[in-house]
Amino acid sequence: MRATLDTHRAALAAALLALLAAGPAWPGGARAIGRGVAAPDSAILARLRGAAEVRVCRLELAGEGRCRALPGSDSCLAGNRVRGWQPAPAGDWAARLAALLSDPRTYRPGMAPPRYTFAPEIGVQFRGPAGVCDVALCFDCDRLSMVSAPAPGAAADARYHGEFGQRDAAFTRLAKLAFPDDPEVQGWADSLQVPDSSAAAPQPRGAAPGVRREP
């Protein structure tokens, strides 16, 4: 009897550990990264670095299940409605963003549970010979989602979800360059965290009603 009870306890403990490692659910059924995941995989990296076209957009929260599309869509990104695409800023803007997204030092190794609903404000789409990668950036929770496919409209074959709080200032500066006439983006502080894993949790930025949800 005792041996059976011990076996059940061990199985329950293993299941709980697996659930914790998977992390909290994100839009579209994807999950946040668990501890030890350092950076996006090689397929995503190739599509970020080899993009021939990069475009940016503001995103509008659509609600779970209301705006679903495959990577490379013109109307949806990360389950949110696109409010209009525009080319990425000229010069090295796209290369700087790709370098940040590709650098393992951008991401905090172990994510705490999100303080806010993942409601990204900005979307970026990388397109090139290797495929397409949709990037959604949530500046309230300092988290991002990347969904990638071998071609626009194809099924996703690579995903990554991570926390970029350590590089918040760098991402914010790029956002301001991409949207120079957007008063909300221009009002964001350039730094909410110091580059230290022990930094305090960020405070929410001022959001337009209905775009982001409070905890």
N, C-alpha and C. Protein backbone atom coordinates (compact mmCIF):
# COMPACT_ATOMS: atom_id res chain seq x y z
N MET A 1 0.84 -1.20 0.00
CA MET A 1 0.00 0.00 0.00
C MET A 1 0.88 1.26 0.00
N ARG A 2 1.89 1.25 0.88
CA ARG A 2 2.78 2.41 0.97
C ARG A 2 3.56 2.60 -0.32
N ALA A 3 3.98 1.48 -0.94
CA ALA A 3 4.72 1.57 -2.20
C ALA A 3 3.84 2.19 -3.29
N THR A 4 2.56 1.78 -3.33
CA THR A 4 1.64 2.34 -4.32
C THR A 4 1.45 3.84 -4.12
N LEU A 5 1.30 4.25 -2.85
CA LEU A 5 1.13 5.68 -2.53
C LEU A 5 2.36 6.47 -2.94
N ASP A 6 3.54 5.94 -2.67
CA ASP A 6 4.77 6.63 -3.05
C ASP A 6 4.87 6.77 -4.57
N THR A 7 4.44 5.75 -5.29
CA THR A 7 4.47 5.80 -6.76
C THR A 7 3.56 6.90 -7.27
N HIS A 8 2.34 7.00 -6.70
CA HIS A 8 1.40 8.04 -7.11
C HIS A 8 1.95 9.44 -6.80
N ARG A 9 2.58 9.59 -5.65
CA ARG A 9 3.15 10.89 -5.28
C ARG A 9 4.27 11.28 -6.26
N ALA A 10 5.10 10.31 -6.62
CA ALA A 10 6.19 10.59 -7.55
C ALA A 10 5.64 11.00 -8.92
N ALA A 11 4.58 10.34 -9.37
CA ALA A 11 3.98 10.67 -10.67
C ALA A 11 3.37 12.07 -10.64
N LEU A 12 2.70 12.41 -9.52
CA LEU A 12 2.10 13.74 -9.39
C LEU A 12 3.18 14.82 -9.37
N ALA A 13 4.26 14.56 -8.66
CA ALA A 13 5.36 15.53 -8.60
C ALA A 13 5.97 15.75 -9.98
N ALA A 14 6.13 14.68 -10.76
CA ALA A 14 6.70 14.80 -12.11
C ALA A 14 5.78 15.61 -13.01
N ALA A 15 4.46 15.39 -12.87
CA ALA A 15 3.50 16.14 -13.69
C ALA A 15 3.52 17.62 -13.35
N LEU A 16 3.62 17.94 -12.06
CA LEU A 16 3.66 19.33 -11.64
C LEU A 16 4.92 20.01 -12.14
N LEU A 17 6.06 19.32 -12.08
CA LEU A 17 7.31 19.89 -12.58
C LEU A 17 7.24 20.16 -14.08
N ALA A 18 6.62 19.24 -14.82
CA ALA A 18 6.48 19.44 -16.27
C ALA A 18 5.61 20.63 -16.58
N LEU A 19 4.53 20.82 -15.80
CA LEU A 19 3.64 21.96 -16.00
C LEU A 19 4.34 23.27 -15.71
N LEU A 20 5.12 23.32 -14.63
CA LEU A 20 5.85 24.54 -14.28
C LEU A 20 6.89 24.87 -15.34
N ALA A 21 7.55 23.85 -15.87
CA ALA A 21 8.57 24.08 -16.89
C ALA A 21 7.97 24.62 -18.17
N ALA A 22 6.74 24.19 -18.49
CA ALA A 22 6.09 24.67 -19.72
C ALA A 22 5.77 26.14 -19.64
N GLY A 23 5.48 26.64 -18.44
CA GLY A 23 5.19 28.06 -18.28
C GLY A 23 3.74 28.37 -18.55
N PRO A 24 3.33 29.63 -18.33
CA PRO A 24 1.95 30.04 -18.52
C PRO A 24 1.56 30.07 -19.98
N ALA A 25 0.28 29.84 -20.24
CA ALA A 25 -0.21 29.84 -21.62
C ALA A 25 -0.17 31.23 -22.21
N TRP A 26 0.11 31.32 -23.51
CA TRP A 26 0.12 32.58 -24.25
C TRP A 26 -0.91 32.48 -25.36
N PRO A 27 -1.23 33.60 -26.03
CA PRO A 27 -2.22 33.56 -27.11
C PRO A 27 -1.86 32.53 -28.17
N GLY A 28 -2.88 31.88 -28.71
CA GLY A 28 -2.66 30.93 -29.79
C GLY A 28 -2.23 29.56 -29.31
N GLY A 29 -2.22 29.32 -28.00
CA GLY A 29 -1.87 28.02 -27.48
C GLY A 29 -0.40 27.83 -27.25
N ALA A 30 0.44 28.80 -27.66
CA ALA A 30 1.87 28.69 -27.39
C ALA A 30 2.12 28.91 -25.91
N ARG A 31 3.32 28.57 -25.44
CA ARG A 31 3.63 28.74 -24.03
C ARG A 31 4.90 29.53 -23.85
N ALA A 32 4.97 30.20 -22.71
CA ALA A 32 6.18 30.96 -22.39
C ALA A 32 7.35 30.01 -22.21
N ILE A 33 8.55 30.52 -22.41
CA ILE A 33 9.72 29.67 -22.26
C ILE A 33 9.89 29.27 -20.81
N GLY A 34 10.48 28.12 -20.59
CA GLY A 34 10.82 27.69 -19.25
C GLY A 34 12.27 28.04 -18.95
N ARG A 35 12.73 27.66 -17.79
CA ARG A 35 14.12 27.94 -17.42
C ARG A 35 15.09 27.18 -18.32
N GLY A 36 16.19 27.84 -18.66
CA GLY A 36 17.23 27.19 -19.42
C GLY A 36 17.15 27.38 -20.92
N VAL A 37 16.06 27.96 -21.45
CA VAL A 37 15.95 28.22 -22.88
C VAL A 37 16.65 29.54 -23.15
N ALA A 38 17.75 29.49 -23.89
CA ALA A 38 18.63 30.65 -23.99
C ALA A 38 18.24 31.63 -25.08
N ALA A 39 17.79 31.13 -26.24
CA ALA A 39 17.56 32.02 -27.37
C ALA A 39 16.73 31.31 -28.42
N PRO A 40 16.23 32.05 -29.41
CA PRO A 40 15.48 31.42 -30.51
C PRO A 40 16.32 30.39 -31.25
N ASP A 41 15.64 29.45 -31.93
CA ASP A 41 16.37 28.39 -32.61
C ASP A 41 16.93 28.89 -33.95
N SER A 42 17.63 28.00 -34.65
CA SER A 42 18.37 28.39 -35.86
C SER A 42 17.45 28.85 -36.98
N ALA A 43 16.26 28.27 -37.10
CA ALA A 43 15.34 28.67 -38.16
C ALA A 43 14.92 30.13 -37.99
N ILE A 44 14.57 30.51 -36.76
CA ILE A 44 14.18 31.90 -36.50
C ILE A 44 15.37 32.83 -36.74
N LEU A 45 16.53 32.46 -36.25
CA LEU A 45 17.71 33.31 -36.42
C LEU A 45 18.01 33.55 -37.90
N ALA A 46 17.90 32.52 -38.72
CA ALA A 46 18.17 32.67 -40.15
C ALA A 46 17.19 33.63 -40.80
N ARG A 47 15.94 33.60 -40.38
CA ARG A 47 14.93 34.47 -40.97
C ARG A 47 15.04 35.91 -40.48
N LEU A 48 15.51 36.08 -39.26
CA LEU A 48 15.75 37.44 -38.77
C LEU A 48 16.93 38.08 -39.49
N ARG A 49 18.01 37.33 -39.61
CA ARG A 49 19.25 37.89 -40.17
C ARG A 49 19.24 37.99 -41.68
N GLY A 50 18.44 37.14 -42.34
CA GLY A 50 18.44 37.13 -43.80
C GLY A 50 17.25 37.82 -44.44
N ALA A 51 16.53 38.62 -43.66
CA ALA A 51 15.33 39.26 -44.19
C ALA A 51 15.67 40.29 -45.27
N ALA A 52 14.90 40.25 -46.37
CA ALA A 52 15.04 41.24 -47.43
C ALA A 52 14.05 42.38 -47.25
N GLU A 53 12.98 42.13 -46.49
CA GLU A 53 11.95 43.14 -46.23
C GLU A 53 11.56 43.08 -44.76
N VAL A 54 11.49 44.23 -44.11
CA VAL A 54 11.04 44.31 -42.72
C VAL A 54 10.01 45.42 -42.62
N ARG A 55 8.87 45.11 -42.02
CA ARG A 55 7.84 46.12 -41.84
C ARG A 55 7.33 46.10 -40.41
N VAL A 56 6.74 47.23 -39.99
CA VAL A 56 6.32 47.38 -38.60
C VAL A 56 4.87 47.83 -38.56
N CYS A 57 4.22 47.60 -37.42
CA CYS A 57 2.83 48.01 -37.25
C CYS A 57 2.52 48.22 -35.78
N ARG A 58 1.48 48.98 -35.51
CA ARG A 58 0.88 49.01 -34.18
C ARG A 58 -0.19 47.92 -34.14
N LEU A 59 -0.38 47.33 -32.97
CA LEU A 59 -1.32 46.24 -32.80
C LEU A 59 -2.49 46.66 -31.92
N GLU A 60 -3.64 46.10 -32.20
CA GLU A 60 -4.85 46.34 -31.42
C GLU A 60 -5.33 45.01 -30.86
N LEU A 61 -5.53 44.96 -29.54
CA LEU A 61 -5.96 43.72 -28.90
C LEU A 61 -7.30 43.28 -29.46
N ALA A 62 -7.34 42.05 -29.98
CA ALA A 62 -8.56 41.56 -30.63
C ALA A 62 -9.34 40.60 -29.75
N GLY A 63 -8.74 40.08 -28.71
CA GLY A 63 -9.42 39.10 -27.89
C GLY A 63 -9.09 37.69 -28.37
N GLU A 64 -9.08 36.74 -27.45
CA GLU A 64 -8.70 35.37 -27.76
C GLU A 64 -9.58 34.77 -28.85
N GLY A 65 -8.95 34.26 -29.91
CA GLY A 65 -9.67 33.57 -30.96
C GLY A 65 -10.32 34.46 -32.00
N ARG A 66 -10.20 35.78 -31.88
CA ARG A 66 -10.89 36.66 -32.81
C ARG A 66 -10.05 37.06 -34.02
N CYS A 67 -8.77 36.86 -33.94
CA CYS A 67 -7.91 37.27 -35.04
C CYS A 67 -6.77 36.27 -35.16
N ARG A 68 -7.00 35.21 -35.89
CA ARG A 68 -6.00 34.16 -36.03
C ARG A 68 -5.56 34.09 -37.49
N ALA A 69 -4.28 33.97 -37.69
CA ALA A 69 -3.75 33.88 -39.05
C ALA A 69 -2.39 33.21 -39.00
N LEU A 70 -1.97 32.68 -40.14
CA LEU A 70 -0.65 32.08 -40.25
C LEU A 70 0.41 33.18 -40.33
N PRO A 71 1.67 32.85 -40.04
CA PRO A 71 2.74 33.85 -40.13
C PRO A 71 2.78 34.52 -41.50
N GLY A 72 3.07 35.82 -41.49
CA GLY A 72 3.12 36.57 -42.73
C GLY A 72 1.82 37.24 -43.10
N SER A 73 0.80 37.17 -42.24
CA SER A 73 -0.50 37.76 -42.53
C SER A 73 -0.41 39.28 -42.62
N ASP A 74 -1.32 39.87 -43.42
CA ASP A 74 -1.41 41.32 -43.50
C ASP A 74 -2.33 41.90 -42.44
N SER A 75 -3.23 41.08 -41.87
CA SER A 75 -4.27 41.61 -40.99
C SER A 75 -4.11 41.25 -39.53
N CYS A 76 -3.40 40.16 -39.23
CA CYS A 76 -3.27 39.70 -37.84
C CYS A 76 -1.81 39.36 -37.53
N LEU A 77 -1.44 39.57 -36.26
CA LEU A 77 -0.11 39.16 -35.80
C LEU A 77 -0.22 38.84 -34.32
N ALA A 78 0.17 37.62 -33.96
CA ALA A 78 0.12 37.16 -32.56
C ALA A 78 -1.28 37.26 -31.98
N GLY A 79 -2.31 37.02 -32.81
CA GLY A 79 -3.68 37.06 -32.32
C GLY A 79 -4.25 38.45 -32.16
N ASN A 80 -3.52 39.45 -32.65
CA ASN A 80 -3.97 40.84 -32.54
C ASN A 80 -4.16 41.45 -33.92
N ARG A 81 -5.05 42.43 -34.01
CA ARG A 81 -5.31 43.09 -35.28
C ARG A 81 -4.20 44.08 -35.60
N VAL A 82 -3.79 44.06 -36.87
CA VAL A 82 -2.79 45.02 -37.36
C VAL A 82 -3.50 46.33 -37.66
N ARG A 83 -2.96 47.43 -37.14
CA ARG A 83 -3.56 48.75 -37.37
C ARG A 83 -2.93 49.47 -38.55
N GLY A 84 -2.17 48.77 -39.37
CA GLY A 84 -1.58 49.39 -40.55
C GLY A 84 -0.08 49.15 -40.59
N TRP A 85 0.39 48.59 -41.72
CA TRP A 85 1.82 48.33 -41.87
C TRP A 85 2.53 49.55 -42.44
N GLN A 86 3.80 49.67 -42.10
CA GLN A 86 4.67 50.67 -42.70
C GLN A 86 6.07 50.08 -42.77
N PRO A 87 6.89 50.54 -43.72
CA PRO A 87 8.25 50.00 -43.80
C PRO A 87 9.04 50.31 -42.54
N ALA A 88 9.94 49.42 -42.18
CA ALA A 88 10.85 49.70 -41.06
C ALA A 88 11.71 50.90 -41.40
N PRO A 89 12.16 51.65 -40.41
CA PRO A 89 13.03 52.80 -40.69
C PRO A 89 14.26 52.39 -41.50
N ALA A 90 14.70 53.32 -42.33
CA ALA A 90 15.87 53.06 -43.18
C ALA A 90 17.13 52.96 -42.33
N GLY A 91 18.22 52.60 -42.98
CA GLY A 91 19.49 52.48 -42.27
C GLY A 91 19.63 51.13 -41.60
N ASP A 92 20.21 51.13 -40.40
CA ASP A 92 20.51 49.86 -39.72
C ASP A 92 19.47 49.47 -38.69
N TRP A 93 18.28 50.09 -38.74
CA TRP A 93 17.25 49.80 -37.74
C TRP A 93 16.92 48.31 -37.68
N ALA A 94 16.63 47.71 -38.83
CA ALA A 94 16.26 46.28 -38.85
C ALA A 94 17.41 45.40 -38.37
N ALA A 95 18.63 45.75 -38.75
CA ALA A 95 19.79 44.96 -38.30
C ALA A 95 19.97 45.07 -36.79
N ARG A 96 19.74 46.25 -36.24
CA ARG A 96 19.86 46.42 -34.79
C ARG A 96 18.81 45.61 -34.05
N LEU A 97 17.57 45.60 -34.56
CA LEU A 97 16.52 44.81 -33.92
C LEU A 97 16.82 43.32 -34.05
N ALA A 98 17.24 42.88 -35.23
CA ALA A 98 17.57 41.47 -35.42
C ALA A 98 18.70 41.04 -34.48
N ALA A 99 19.68 41.92 -34.28
CA ALA A 99 20.78 41.59 -33.37
C ALA A 99 20.28 41.44 -31.94
N LEU A 100 19.38 42.32 -31.50
CA LEU A 100 18.82 42.21 -30.15
C LEU A 100 18.03 40.92 -30.00
N LEU A 101 17.20 40.60 -30.98
CA LEU A 101 16.38 39.41 -30.92
C LEU A 101 17.20 38.13 -30.95
N SER A 102 18.37 38.19 -31.59
CA SER A 102 19.22 37.00 -31.75
C SER A 102 20.17 36.78 -30.58
N ASP A 103 20.35 37.78 -29.75
CA ASP A 103 21.36 37.73 -28.68
C ASP A 103 20.80 37.04 -27.43
N PRO A 104 21.38 35.93 -27.00
CA PRO A 104 20.89 35.26 -25.78
C PRO A 104 20.90 36.16 -24.55
N ARG A 105 21.77 37.17 -24.53
CA ARG A 105 21.84 38.07 -23.38
C ARG A 105 20.63 38.97 -23.26
N THR A 106 19.81 39.02 -24.32
CA THR A 106 18.58 39.81 -24.28
C THR A 106 17.58 39.23 -23.30
N TYR A 107 17.59 37.92 -23.15
CA TYR A 107 16.51 37.23 -22.45
C TYR A 107 16.90 36.81 -21.05
N ARG A 108 16.00 37.01 -20.12
CA ARG A 108 16.21 36.56 -18.75
C ARG A 108 16.01 35.05 -18.71
N PRO A 109 16.96 34.28 -18.16
CA PRO A 109 16.89 32.81 -18.22
C PRO A 109 15.65 32.21 -17.59
N GLY A 110 15.20 32.72 -16.45
CA GLY A 110 14.03 32.15 -15.79
C GLY A 110 12.95 33.20 -15.65
N MET A 111 11.82 33.00 -16.32
CA MET A 111 10.76 34.00 -16.31
C MET A 111 9.85 33.83 -15.11
N ALA A 112 9.52 34.94 -14.46
CA ALA A 112 8.49 34.93 -13.43
C ALA A 112 7.13 34.98 -14.13
N PRO A 113 6.04 34.63 -13.43
CA PRO A 113 4.72 34.72 -14.06
C PRO A 113 4.44 36.16 -14.50
N PRO A 114 3.83 36.34 -15.67
CA PRO A 114 3.56 37.69 -16.16
C PRO A 114 2.70 38.48 -15.20
N ARG A 115 3.04 39.78 -15.02
CA ARG A 115 2.23 40.65 -14.17
C ARG A 115 1.04 41.20 -14.95
N TYR A 116 1.12 41.18 -16.26
CA TYR A 116 0.06 41.71 -17.09
C TYR A 116 -0.28 40.71 -18.18
N THR A 117 -1.50 40.82 -18.72
CA THR A 117 -1.86 40.01 -19.88
C THR A 117 -0.93 40.34 -21.03
N PHE A 118 -0.52 39.32 -21.78
CA PHE A 118 0.34 39.56 -22.94
C PHE A 118 -0.49 40.25 -24.02
N ALA A 119 -0.34 41.55 -24.14
CA ALA A 119 -1.09 42.37 -25.10
C ALA A 119 -0.09 43.25 -25.84
N PRO A 120 0.57 42.71 -26.85
CA PRO A 120 1.63 43.45 -27.54
C PRO A 120 1.12 44.71 -28.22
N GLU A 121 1.93 45.76 -28.15
CA GLU A 121 1.57 47.03 -28.78
C GLU A 121 2.17 47.18 -30.17
N ILE A 122 3.28 46.50 -30.42
CA ILE A 122 4.02 46.67 -31.67
C ILE A 122 4.31 45.32 -32.31
N GLY A 123 4.15 45.26 -33.63
CA GLY A 123 4.48 44.07 -34.39
C GLY A 123 5.54 44.37 -35.43
N VAL A 124 6.39 43.39 -35.68
CA VAL A 124 7.42 43.51 -36.71
C VAL A 124 7.40 42.22 -37.52
N GLN A 125 7.50 42.36 -38.83
CA GLN A 125 7.49 41.18 -39.69
C GLN A 125 8.76 41.17 -40.55
N PHE A 126 9.51 40.08 -40.45
CA PHE A 126 10.73 39.87 -41.23
C PHE A 126 10.41 38.90 -42.37
N ARG A 127 10.71 39.28 -43.62
CA ARG A 127 10.47 38.41 -44.78
C ARG A 127 11.74 38.29 -45.60
N GLY A 128 12.03 37.07 -46.07
CA GLY A 128 13.22 36.87 -46.89
C GLY A 128 13.21 35.50 -47.51
N PRO A 129 14.27 35.14 -48.21
CA PRO A 129 14.34 33.84 -48.87
C PRO A 129 14.18 32.65 -47.93
N ALA A 130 14.60 32.81 -46.68
CA ALA A 130 14.52 31.69 -45.73
C ALA A 130 13.13 31.53 -45.12
N GLY A 131 12.26 32.55 -45.28
CA GLY A 131 10.93 32.46 -44.72
C GLY A 131 10.51 33.76 -44.06
N VAL A 132 9.53 33.65 -43.18
CA VAL A 132 8.95 34.82 -42.53
C VAL A 132 8.96 34.63 -41.02
N CYS A 133 9.11 35.74 -40.27
CA CYS A 133 9.06 35.69 -38.81
C CYS A 133 8.25 36.87 -38.31
N ASP A 134 7.16 36.59 -37.60
CA ASP A 134 6.34 37.61 -36.96
C ASP A 134 6.83 37.83 -35.53
N VAL A 135 7.09 39.07 -35.17
CA VAL A 135 7.55 39.41 -33.83
C VAL A 135 6.54 40.34 -33.18
N ALA A 136 6.03 39.97 -32.01
CA ALA A 136 5.10 40.80 -31.25
C ALA A 136 5.78 41.24 -29.97
N LEU A 137 5.78 42.55 -29.70
CA LEU A 137 6.47 43.12 -28.55
C LEU A 137 5.46 43.74 -27.59
N CYS A 138 5.48 43.27 -26.35
CA CYS A 138 4.62 43.81 -25.30
C CYS A 138 5.49 44.61 -24.34
N PHE A 139 5.36 45.93 -24.37
CA PHE A 139 6.20 46.78 -23.55
C PHE A 139 5.66 46.92 -22.13
N ASP A 140 4.41 46.58 -21.89
CA ASP A 140 3.89 46.59 -20.52
C ASP A 140 4.48 45.47 -19.69
N CYS A 141 4.63 44.28 -20.32
CA CYS A 141 5.12 43.13 -19.56
C CYS A 141 6.55 42.75 -19.94
N ASP A 142 7.18 43.54 -20.86
CA ASP A 142 8.56 43.28 -21.28
C ASP A 142 8.72 41.85 -21.80
N ARG A 143 7.77 41.41 -22.60
CA ARG A 143 7.83 40.08 -23.17
C ARG A 143 7.56 40.14 -24.67
N LEU A 144 8.07 39.15 -25.38
CA LEU A 144 7.87 39.11 -26.82
C LEU A 144 7.52 37.70 -27.27
N SER A 145 6.94 37.65 -28.44
CA SER A 145 6.58 36.37 -29.07
C SER A 145 7.10 36.39 -30.50
N MET A 146 7.72 35.29 -30.92
CA MET A 146 8.15 35.13 -32.31
C MET A 146 7.55 33.85 -32.87
N VAL A 147 6.89 33.98 -34.01
CA VAL A 147 6.30 32.83 -34.70
C VAL A 147 6.81 32.87 -36.13
N SER A 148 7.39 31.77 -36.60
CA SER A 148 8.09 31.76 -37.87
C SER A 148 7.64 30.60 -38.75
N ALA A 149 7.75 30.81 -40.08
CA ALA A 149 7.35 29.79 -41.04
C ALA A 149 8.27 29.85 -42.26
N PRO A 150 8.33 28.78 -43.05
CA PRO A 150 9.22 28.78 -44.22
C PRO A 150 8.76 29.69 -45.34
N ALA A 151 7.50 30.15 -45.31
CA ALA A 151 6.98 31.09 -46.31
C ALA A 151 5.74 31.76 -45.74
N PRO A 152 5.40 32.98 -46.19
CA PRO A 152 4.17 33.62 -45.74
C PRO A 152 2.95 32.75 -46.03
N GLY A 153 2.10 32.57 -45.04
CA GLY A 153 0.92 31.75 -45.20
C GLY A 153 1.12 30.28 -44.92
N ALA A 154 2.37 29.86 -44.70
CA ALA A 154 2.64 28.46 -44.36
C ALA A 154 2.48 28.24 -42.86
N ALA A 155 2.33 26.99 -42.48
CA ALA A 155 2.20 26.67 -41.05
C ALA A 155 3.49 27.00 -40.32
N ALA A 156 3.35 27.47 -39.09
CA ALA A 156 4.52 27.81 -38.28
C ALA A 156 5.35 26.57 -37.98
N ASP A 157 6.68 26.71 -38.09
CA ASP A 157 7.56 25.59 -37.76
C ASP A 157 8.55 25.96 -36.66
N ALA A 158 8.45 27.18 -36.13
CA ALA A 158 9.33 27.60 -35.03
C ALA A 158 8.65 28.70 -34.24
N ARG A 159 8.78 28.61 -32.91
CA ARG A 159 8.21 29.62 -32.01
C ARG A 159 9.20 29.92 -30.90
N TYR A 160 9.09 31.14 -30.38
CA TYR A 160 9.90 31.50 -29.22
C TYR A 160 9.17 32.58 -28.44
N HIS A 161 9.19 32.46 -27.13
CA HIS A 161 8.59 33.45 -26.25
C HIS A 161 9.59 33.78 -25.15
N GLY A 162 9.86 35.04 -24.93
CA GLY A 162 10.87 35.40 -23.94
C GLY A 162 10.62 36.75 -23.31
N GLU A 163 11.39 37.03 -22.29
CA GLU A 163 11.32 38.28 -21.54
C GLU A 163 12.54 39.13 -21.88
N PHE A 164 12.29 40.40 -22.29
CA PHE A 164 13.40 41.25 -22.71
C PHE A 164 13.63 42.43 -21.78
N GLY A 165 13.20 42.32 -20.52
CA GLY A 165 13.33 43.44 -19.59
C GLY A 165 14.75 43.96 -19.42
N GLN A 166 15.73 43.07 -19.58
CA GLN A 166 17.13 43.50 -19.44
C GLN A 166 17.55 44.46 -20.54
N ARG A 167 16.85 44.43 -21.68
CA ARG A 167 17.17 45.30 -22.83
C ARG A 167 16.00 46.24 -23.13
N ASP A 168 15.18 46.52 -22.14
CA ASP A 168 13.99 47.35 -22.34
C ASP A 168 14.33 48.68 -23.00
N ALA A 169 15.39 49.34 -22.56
CA ALA A 169 15.73 50.66 -23.08
C ALA A 169 16.06 50.58 -24.58
N ALA A 170 16.79 49.56 -24.98
CA ALA A 170 17.17 49.42 -26.39
C ALA A 170 15.94 49.18 -27.27
N PHE A 171 15.02 48.32 -26.82
CA PHE A 171 13.81 48.07 -27.58
C PHE A 171 12.94 49.33 -27.65
N THR A 172 12.85 50.08 -26.56
CA THR A 172 12.04 51.29 -26.54
C THR A 172 12.58 52.34 -27.50
N ARG A 173 13.89 52.49 -27.54
CA ARG A 173 14.49 53.46 -28.47
C ARG A 173 14.18 53.09 -29.92
N LEU A 174 14.24 51.80 -30.25
CA LEU A 174 13.91 51.37 -31.61
C LEU A 174 12.43 51.61 -31.91
N ALA A 175 11.56 51.38 -30.93
CA ALA A 175 10.13 51.64 -31.12
C ALA A 175 9.87 53.11 -31.42
N LYS A 176 10.57 53.99 -30.71
CA LYS A 176 10.39 55.42 -30.94
C LYS A 176 10.87 55.84 -32.32
N LEU A 177 11.94 55.22 -32.80
CA LEU A 177 12.42 55.51 -34.15
C LEU A 177 11.42 55.03 -35.21
N ALA A 178 10.74 53.93 -34.93
CA ALA A 178 9.80 53.37 -35.90
C ALA A 178 8.49 54.15 -35.95
N PHE A 179 8.13 54.78 -34.83
CA PHE A 179 6.85 55.49 -34.75
C PHE A 179 7.07 56.91 -34.21
N PRO A 180 7.73 57.76 -34.99
CA PRO A 180 8.09 59.10 -34.50
C PRO A 180 6.88 60.01 -34.27
N ASP A 181 5.75 59.72 -34.92
CA ASP A 181 4.58 60.58 -34.81
C ASP A 181 3.49 59.99 -33.91
N ASP A 182 3.80 58.91 -33.22
CA ASP A 182 2.83 58.25 -32.34
C ASP A 182 3.03 58.78 -30.92
N PRO A 183 2.09 59.57 -30.39
CA PRO A 183 2.30 60.18 -29.07
C PRO A 183 2.41 59.16 -27.94
N GLU A 184 1.71 58.03 -28.07
CA GLU A 184 1.79 57.02 -27.01
C GLU A 184 3.20 56.43 -26.94
N VAL A 185 3.72 56.03 -28.11
CA VAL A 185 5.06 55.44 -28.15
C VAL A 185 6.11 56.46 -27.71
N GLN A 186 5.98 57.70 -28.17
CA GLN A 186 6.97 58.71 -27.82
C GLN A 186 6.94 59.05 -26.34
N GLY A 187 5.83 58.75 -25.67
CA GLY A 187 5.72 59.01 -24.23
C GLY A 187 6.30 57.94 -23.35
N TRP A 188 6.72 56.81 -23.94
CA TRP A 188 7.29 55.72 -23.14
C TRP A 188 8.66 56.12 -22.63
N ALA A 189 8.95 55.76 -21.39
CA ALA A 189 10.28 56.00 -20.82
C ALA A 189 11.29 55.10 -21.51
N ASP A 190 12.51 55.61 -21.68
CA ASP A 190 13.54 54.83 -22.37
C ASP A 190 14.09 53.71 -21.51
N SER A 191 13.87 53.75 -20.22
CA SER A 191 14.40 52.69 -19.35
C SER A 191 13.53 52.55 -18.13
N LEU A 192 13.03 51.33 -17.92
CA LEU A 192 12.26 51.01 -16.72
C LEU A 192 12.99 50.04 -15.82
N GLN A 193 14.06 49.41 -16.35
CA GLN A 193 14.81 48.44 -15.58
C GLN A 193 16.30 48.63 -15.81
N VAL A 194 17.09 48.32 -14.80
CA VAL A 194 18.53 48.27 -15.00
C VAL A 194 18.87 46.90 -15.54
N PRO A 195 19.98 46.72 -16.28
CA PRO A 195 20.30 45.41 -16.85
C PRO A 195 20.81 44.44 -15.81
N ASP A 196 19.91 44.02 -14.92
CA ASP A 196 20.28 43.15 -13.81
C ASP A 196 19.08 42.26 -13.52
N SER A 197 19.32 40.98 -13.35
CA SER A 197 18.22 40.05 -13.11
C SER A 197 17.52 40.32 -11.79
N SER A 198 18.13 41.11 -10.89
CA SER A 198 17.50 41.42 -9.62
C SER A 198 16.73 42.72 -9.67
N ALA A 199 16.59 43.32 -10.86
CA ALA A 199 15.91 44.61 -10.99
C ALA A 199 14.45 44.48 -10.59
N ALA A 200 13.89 45.58 -10.12
CA ALA A 200 12.49 45.60 -9.72
C ALA A 200 11.61 45.40 -10.94
N ALA A 201 10.40 44.88 -10.73
CA ALA A 201 9.47 44.67 -11.83
C ALA A 201 9.05 46.01 -12.42
N PRO A 202 8.85 46.08 -13.76
CA PRO A 202 8.51 47.35 -14.38
C PRO A 202 7.12 47.80 -14.01
N GLN A 203 6.91 49.12 -13.98
CA GLN A 203 5.60 49.68 -13.77
C GLN A 203 4.91 49.78 -15.12
N PRO A 204 3.56 49.68 -15.17
CA PRO A 204 2.87 49.74 -16.45
C PRO A 204 2.99 51.10 -17.09
N ARG A 205 3.11 51.12 -18.42
CA ARG A 205 3.12 52.38 -19.14
C ARG A 205 1.69 52.82 -19.35
N GLY A 206 1.50 54.08 -19.66
CA GLY A 206 0.15 54.59 -19.88
C GLY A 206 -0.45 53.99 -21.13
N ALA A 207 -1.56 53.29 -20.99
CA ALA A 207 -2.17 52.60 -22.12
C ALA A 207 -3.49 53.24 -22.49
N ALA A 208 -3.81 53.20 -23.76
CA ALA A 208 -5.10 53.66 -24.22
C ALA A 208 -6.17 52.69 -23.75
N PRO A 209 -7.35 53.17 -23.32
CA PRO A 209 -8.40 52.27 -22.82
C PRO A 209 -8.73 51.21 -23.85
N GLY A 210 -8.81 49.97 -23.38
CA GLY A 210 -9.20 48.87 -24.24
C GLY A 210 -8.06 48.23 -24.98
N VAL A 211 -6.88 48.84 -24.97
CA VAL A 211 -5.75 48.26 -25.68
C VAL A 211 -5.02 47.27 -24.82
N ARG A 212 -4.81 47.60 -23.54
CA ARG A 212 -4.15 46.68 -22.61
C ARG A 212 -5.01 46.47 -21.38
N ARG A 213 -4.80 45.39 -20.72
CA ARG A 213 -5.57 45.10 -19.51
C ARG A 213 -4.68 45.22 -18.29
N GLU A 214 -5.22 45.72 -17.22
CA GLU A 214 -4.48 45.82 -15.96
C GLU A 214 -4.51 44.48 -15.25
N PRO A 215 -3.58 44.24 -14.33
CA PRO A 215 -3.55 42.96 -13.62
C PRO A 215 -4.76 42.79 -12.73
